Amino acid sequence: MNWITWLDLAGVMIFALTGVVVACRSRMDPIGMLVLGAVTGIGGGTLRDLVLGIRPVFWVEQPIYLWVILLTVGVATLGFHYIHRLTRVFLPVTDAFGLALFTVLGAHKARTMGVDGIVVVVMGTMSGVAGGMIRDVLARRVPMVLRQEIYASASLAGGILYIALLELGMPLAWATGAAIVMVLMIRLPAIYWNLTLPTFAWVIIPPPDLSASGGPRTSGTPSDNQREQGDAEFATTLGGSVGLSKLEASMKIDQPPEPPMLPRRTPKARVRMLRPGESRRGRN
């Protein structure tokens, strides 16, 4: 076996371990642990081989992958008490290493098939994220690739760097190492600082409070002083003279009509990028 196969086996072992951790946190039995460990370890590669038309798939031709999964799940089952004590950071960090390995190895296998560069990147991403997606779906969790986390984008960056370095003539070992480091440099800081990608959503913008800001009134009811005022004074201009006169009670000027009711302002909704920590109601 060459070093590529050893890296592939390491990735299977790491991903199988993440499947066991998820199974333990979901309170599954040993069979559930084995199923999640298997689909996480070989699910992405199996889907990649099926899309590329490789028959038989890699674990059928090389059963050592199945033995690695059985060994990993068996050891983890014996030490499941320690798995429950693992911190919440253990799963995403371990998953990040598996993502980096499978992204590069999936891209490498696709490149050996002679496909186009963009297909190489897609196959690498599929190898890295598909197994974790199946694991999370079976455990009734939202897959990491569908959250706001920087997950699939790290895999895409690693695959692009891998194929770019090879096209520039860099040796395979150096390109593989650089792509793995690239994925980890993106994914691990995102886990530590809880970095997320921007999202677009319908944001509800509440209307301003007109009464508090002294804006126009929403009701046209005259004040009590204007309603009870019996006399009105007005200025008349006649022949250049201005005079004041009091109206008789019978000659009162009718009150002006009430202004129409202003329509109530409703919240507006528009699509824009959400800021970190902002909800869809337009508030933090």
Protein backbone atom coordinates (compact mmCIF):
# COMPACT_ATOMS: atom_id res chain seq x y z
CA MET A 1 0.00 0.00 0.00
CA ASN A 2 1.24 3.48 -0.85
CA TRP A 3 0.93 6.60 1.26
CA ILE A 4 -2.30 7.62 -0.48
CA THR A 5 -3.97 4.43 0.75
CA TRP A 6 -2.70 5.02 4.27
CA LEU A 7 -4.15 8.53 4.26
CA ASP A 8 -7.42 7.13 2.96
CA LEU A 9 -7.56 4.56 5.76
CA ALA A 10 -6.80 7.30 8.30
CA GLY A 11 -9.68 9.36 6.92
CA VAL A 12 -12.03 6.37 7.14
CA MET A 13 -11.01 5.76 10.75
CA ILE A 14 -11.51 9.42 11.70
CA PHE A 15 -14.90 9.68 10.03
CA ALA A 16 -16.01 6.35 11.52
CA LEU A 17 -15.08 7.70 14.95
CA THR A 18 -17.24 10.78 14.39
CA GLY A 19 -20.12 8.48 13.46
CA VAL A 20 -19.66 6.58 16.74
CA VAL A 21 -19.63 9.84 18.71
CA VAL A 22 -22.89 10.98 17.08
CA ALA A 23 -24.45 7.56 17.71
CA CYS A 24 -23.51 7.69 21.39
CA ARG A 25 -24.97 11.18 21.78
CA SER A 26 -28.12 9.98 20.04
CA ARG A 27 -28.32 6.99 22.46
CA MET A 28 -28.06 4.31 19.79
CA ASP A 29 -27.17 0.67 20.39
CA PRO A 30 -23.97 -0.95 19.06
CA ILE A 31 -25.66 -1.72 15.72
CA GLY A 32 -26.55 1.94 15.34
CA MET A 33 -22.97 2.86 16.17
CA LEU A 34 -21.74 0.47 13.48
CA VAL A 35 -24.17 1.82 10.88
CA LEU A 36 -23.29 5.46 11.53
CA GLY A 37 -19.59 4.66 11.60
CA ALA A 38 -19.80 2.81 8.28
CA VAL A 39 -21.88 5.36 6.39
CA THR A 40 -19.66 8.18 7.63
CA GLY A 41 -16.45 6.40 6.79
CA ILE A 42 -17.28 5.06 3.32
CA GLY A 43 -20.48 6.89 2.32
CA GLY A 44 -18.82 9.80 0.55
CA GLY A 45 -16.33 7.63 -1.30
CA THR A 46 -19.04 5.20 -2.35
CA LEU A 47 -21.14 7.99 -3.82
CA ARG A 48 -18.06 9.38 -5.58
CA ASP A 49 -17.25 6.01 -7.20
CA LEU A 50 -20.85 5.54 -8.32
CA VAL A 51 -20.93 8.96 -9.97
CA LEU A 52 -17.59 8.39 -11.68
CA GLY A 53 -18.71 4.95 -12.88
CA ILE A 54 -16.04 3.02 -10.97
CA ARG A 55 -17.02 -0.64 -10.57
CA PRO A 56 -16.68 -2.18 -8.07
CA VAL A 57 -16.52 0.56 -5.46
CA PHE A 58 -13.32 0.88 -3.47
CA TRP A 59 -14.38 -0.98 -0.32
CA VAL A 60 -15.64 -3.97 -2.32
CA GLU A 61 -12.32 -4.28 -4.09
CA GLN A 62 -10.34 -3.61 -0.90
CA PRO A 63 -12.20 -5.00 2.16
CA ILE A 64 -9.54 -3.58 4.46
CA TYR A 65 -11.70 -0.45 4.71
CA LEU A 66 -14.48 -2.51 6.30
CA TRP A 67 -12.04 -4.04 8.77
CA VAL A 68 -10.83 -0.58 9.75
CA ILE A 69 -14.43 0.48 10.41
CA LEU A 70 -15.13 -2.65 12.47
CA LEU A 71 -11.97 -2.12 14.50
CA THR A 72 -12.72 1.54 15.11
CA VAL A 73 -16.31 0.90 16.14
CA GLY A 74 -15.30 -2.05 18.33
CA VAL A 75 -12.67 -0.08 20.24
CA ALA A 76 -15.02 2.89 20.58
CA THR A 77 -17.81 0.61 21.86
CA LEU A 78 -15.58 -0.73 24.60
CA GLY A 79 -14.69 2.80 25.62
CA PHE A 80 -18.08 4.46 25.14
CA HIS A 81 -17.99 5.74 28.73
CA TYR A 82 -15.08 7.97 27.75
CA ILE A 83 -16.88 9.13 24.58
CA HIS A 84 -19.62 10.67 26.69
CA ARG A 85 -16.98 12.70 28.51
CA LEU A 86 -15.59 14.22 25.33
CA THR A 87 -16.15 17.92 24.92
CA ARG A 88 -18.44 19.36 22.28
CA VAL A 89 -15.41 20.58 20.36
CA PHE A 90 -14.08 17.06 19.78
CA LEU A 91 -16.63 16.12 17.12
CA PRO A 92 -16.25 19.18 14.84
CA VAL A 93 -12.44 19.17 15.19
CA THR A 94 -12.18 15.47 14.36
CA ASP A 95 -14.64 15.95 11.52
CA ALA A 96 -12.45 18.76 10.17
CA PHE A 97 -9.47 16.42 9.82
CA GLY A 98 -11.62 13.82 8.09
CA LEU A 99 -13.01 16.50 5.80
CA ALA A 100 -9.51 17.63 4.82
CA LEU A 101 -8.28 14.11 4.10
CA PHE A 102 -11.32 12.98 2.13
CA THR A 103 -11.49 16.19 0.10
CA VAL A 104 -7.94 15.77 -1.18
CA LEU A 105 -8.13 12.00 -1.65
CA GLY A 106 -11.47 12.24 -3.46
CA ALA A 107 -10.07 14.89 -5.75
CA HIS A 108 -6.99 12.74 -6.36
CA LYS A 109 -9.05 9.72 -7.38
CA ALA A 110 -11.21 11.81 -9.69
CA ARG A 111 -8.10 13.28 -11.31
CA THR A 112 -6.72 9.81 -12.00
CA MET A 113 -9.90 9.15 -14.00
CA GLY A 114 -8.96 11.98 -16.38
CA VAL A 115 -12.03 14.15 -15.73
CA ASP A 116 -12.12 17.94 -16.00
CA GLY A 117 -10.76 20.14 -13.23
CA ILE A 118 -14.16 21.37 -12.06
CA VAL A 119 -15.37 17.77 -11.78
CA VAL A 120 -12.28 17.00 -9.69
CA VAL A 121 -13.24 19.77 -7.25
CA VAL A 122 -16.86 18.60 -7.08
CA MET A 123 -15.83 14.98 -6.47
CA GLY A 124 -13.45 16.06 -3.74
CA THR A 125 -16.19 18.04 -2.03
CA MET A 126 -18.62 15.16 -2.41
CA SER A 127 -16.16 12.76 -0.84
CA GLY A 128 -15.64 15.12 2.08
CA VAL A 129 -19.20 16.12 2.95
CA ALA A 130 -21.50 13.31 1.74
CA GLY A 131 -20.63 10.84 4.50
CA GLY A 132 -21.25 13.42 7.21
CA MET A 133 -24.53 14.40 5.60
CA ILE A 134 -25.79 10.80 5.64
CA ARG A 135 -24.63 10.43 9.26
CA ASP A 136 -26.48 13.54 10.42
CA VAL A 137 -29.65 12.64 8.52
CA LEU A 138 -29.76 9.17 10.10
CA ALA A 139 -29.21 10.76 13.53
CA ARG A 140 -31.99 13.31 12.83
CA ARG A 141 -29.60 16.23 12.96
CA VAL A 142 -29.26 19.17 10.60
CA PRO A 143 -26.23 18.33 8.41
CA MET A 144 -23.25 20.62 8.90
CA VAL A 145 -23.19 21.45 5.20
CA LEU A 146 -26.71 22.90 5.47
CA ARG A 147 -25.95 25.14 8.42
CA GLN A 148 -24.32 28.54 8.42
CA GLU A 149 -21.01 26.97 9.37
CA ILE A 150 -17.99 27.24 7.09
CA TYR A 151 -17.88 23.59 6.06
CA ALA A 152 -18.41 22.84 2.38
CA SER A 153 -16.67 26.09 1.43
CA ALA A 154 -13.51 24.86 3.19
CA SER A 155 -13.69 21.66 1.17
CA LEU A 156 -14.15 23.61 -2.06
CA ALA A 157 -11.15 25.80 -1.27
CA GLY A 158 -8.98 22.76 -0.61
CA GLY A 159 -10.04 21.06 -3.85
CA ILE A 160 -9.42 24.19 -5.91
CA LEU A 161 -5.96 24.65 -4.39
CA TYR A 162 -5.12 20.99 -4.99
CA ILE A 163 -5.96 21.00 -8.69
CA ALA A 164 -4.37 24.43 -9.19
CA LEU A 165 -1.05 23.38 -7.67
CA LEU A 166 -0.95 20.21 -9.74
CA GLU A 167 -1.65 22.16 -12.92
CA LEU A 168 1.25 24.47 -12.01
CA GLY A 169 3.59 21.47 -11.85
CA MET A 170 3.91 21.01 -8.09
CA PRO A 171 4.69 17.44 -6.93
CA LEU A 172 1.73 15.35 -5.77
CA ALA A 173 2.90 15.09 -2.16
CA TRP A 174 3.35 18.86 -1.80
CA ALA A 175 0.00 19.63 -3.44
CA THR A 176 -1.74 17.09 -1.19
CA GLY A 177 -0.20 18.53 1.96
CA ALA A 178 -0.95 22.12 0.97
CA ALA A 179 -4.59 21.31 0.22
CA ILE A 180 -5.03 19.51 3.55
CA VAL A 181 -3.52 22.46 5.41
CA MET A 182 -5.79 24.83 3.48
CA VAL A 183 -8.94 23.00 4.56
CA LEU A 184 -7.79 22.91 8.18
CA MET A 185 -6.79 26.59 8.16
CA ILE A 186 -10.32 27.50 7.10
CA ARG A 187 -12.32 25.00 9.12
CA LEU A 188 -10.54 25.06 12.50
CA PRO A 189 -10.64 28.86 13.01
CA ALA A 190 -14.30 28.77 12.03
CA ILE A 191 -14.91 26.25 14.81
CA TYR A 192 -12.87 28.19 17.38
CA TRP A 193 -14.32 31.63 16.71
CA ASN A 194 -17.75 30.37 15.61
CA LEU A 195 -17.40 31.98 12.18
CA THR A 196 -20.30 31.62 9.78
CA LEU A 197 -21.09 32.51 6.21
CA PRO A 198 -23.45 35.43 5.52
CA THR A 199 -27.03 34.45 4.87
CA PHE A 200 -29.79 36.11 2.90
CA ALA A 201 -33.32 36.19 4.29
CA TRP A 202 -36.54 38.19 4.37
CA VAL A 203 -35.84 40.73 7.13
CA ILE A 204 -38.88 42.33 8.78
CA ILE A 205 -38.32 46.07 9.26
CA PRO A 206 -40.64 47.47 11.97
CA PRO A 207 -42.29 50.86 11.29
CA PRO A 208 -41.09 53.89 13.29
CA ASP A 209 -43.06 54.99 16.34
CA LEU A 210 -44.67 58.21 15.07
CA SER A 211 -46.30 59.15 18.35
CA ALA A 212 -43.03 59.03 20.26
CA SER A 213 -41.11 61.01 17.69
CA GLY A 214 -43.66 63.81 17.45
CA GLY A 215 -44.63 62.98 13.87
CA PRO A 216 -48.01 63.32 12.27
CA ARG A 217 -50.95 62.17 14.28
CA THR A 218 -52.80 59.04 13.26
CA SER A 219 -56.21 60.35 14.40
CA GLY A 220 -57.85 63.59 13.25
CA THR A 221 -59.87 64.33 16.43
CA PRO A 222 -59.70 68.10 17.30
CA SER A 223 -58.64 69.12 20.75
CA ASP A 224 -61.22 69.81 23.43
CA ASN A 225 -60.36 73.52 23.42
CA GLN A 226 -61.12 73.77 19.72
CA ARG A 227 -64.33 71.78 20.12
CA GLU A 228 -65.61 73.85 23.07
CA GLN A 229 -64.55 77.23 21.74
CA GLY A 230 -67.72 79.26 21.15
CA ASP A 231 -66.19 82.44 19.85
CA ALA A 232 -63.71 82.85 17.06
CA GLU A 233 -61.62 85.85 16.28
CA PHE A 234 -60.51 86.60 12.82
CA ALA A 235 -58.82 89.40 11.01
CA THR A 236 -60.53 91.19 8.18
CA THR A 237 -58.95 93.42 5.67
CA LEU A 238 -61.22 96.03 4.16
CA GLY A 239 -59.93 99.11 2.35
CA GLY A 240 -56.51 98.60 3.81
CA SER A 241 -57.74 98.47 7.42
CA VAL A 242 -57.46 95.44 9.64
CA GLY A 243 -59.94 94.92 12.45
CA LEU A 244 -60.98 92.31 14.93
CA SER A 245 -64.58 91.31 15.40
CA LYS A 246 -66.42 88.92 17.58
CA LEU A 247 -68.88 86.59 15.99
CA GLU A 248 -72.33 86.18 17.30
CA ALA A 249 -73.24 82.81 18.67
CA SER A 250 -75.49 82.16 15.68
CA MET A 251 -72.74 83.10 13.24
CA LYS A 252 -70.14 80.65 14.47
CA ILE A 253 -67.88 79.27 11.83
CA ASP A 254 -68.34 75.55 11.39
CA GLN A 255 -65.52 73.39 12.56
CA PRO A 256 -63.27 72.29 9.71
CA PRO A 257 -63.70 68.69 8.65
CA GLU A 258 -61.57 66.18 10.45
CA PRO A 259 -58.53 65.10 8.51
CA PRO A 260 -58.73 61.59 7.11
CA MET A 261 -57.28 58.77 9.11
CA LEU A 262 -53.76 57.98 8.06
CA PRO A 263 -53.26 54.37 7.03
CA ARG A 264 -51.54 52.29 9.62
CA ARG A 265 -47.98 51.57 8.63
CA THR A 266 -47.20 47.90 8.37
CA PRO A 267 -43.75 46.33 8.72
CA LYS A 268 -41.79 46.07 5.51
CA ALA A 269 -39.89 43.01 4.39
CA ARG A 270 -36.92 42.91 2.10
CA VAL A 271 -34.13 40.52 1.25
CA ARG A 272 -30.70 41.49 2.51
CA MET A 273 -27.70 39.95 4.22
CA LEU A 274 -28.12 39.17 7.90
CA ARG A 275 -25.50 40.52 10.27
CA PRO A 276 -23.92 38.16 12.84
CA GLY A 277 -26.35 37.66 15.71
CA GLU A 278 -29.26 39.34 13.89
CA SER A 279 -32.65 37.70 13.64
CA ARG A 280 -35.13 37.83 10.80
CA ARG A 281 -37.14 40.46 12.73
CA GLY A 282 -34.40 43.03 12.08
CA ARG A 283 -33.21 43.11 15.69
CA ASN A 284 -30.24 41.63 17.49
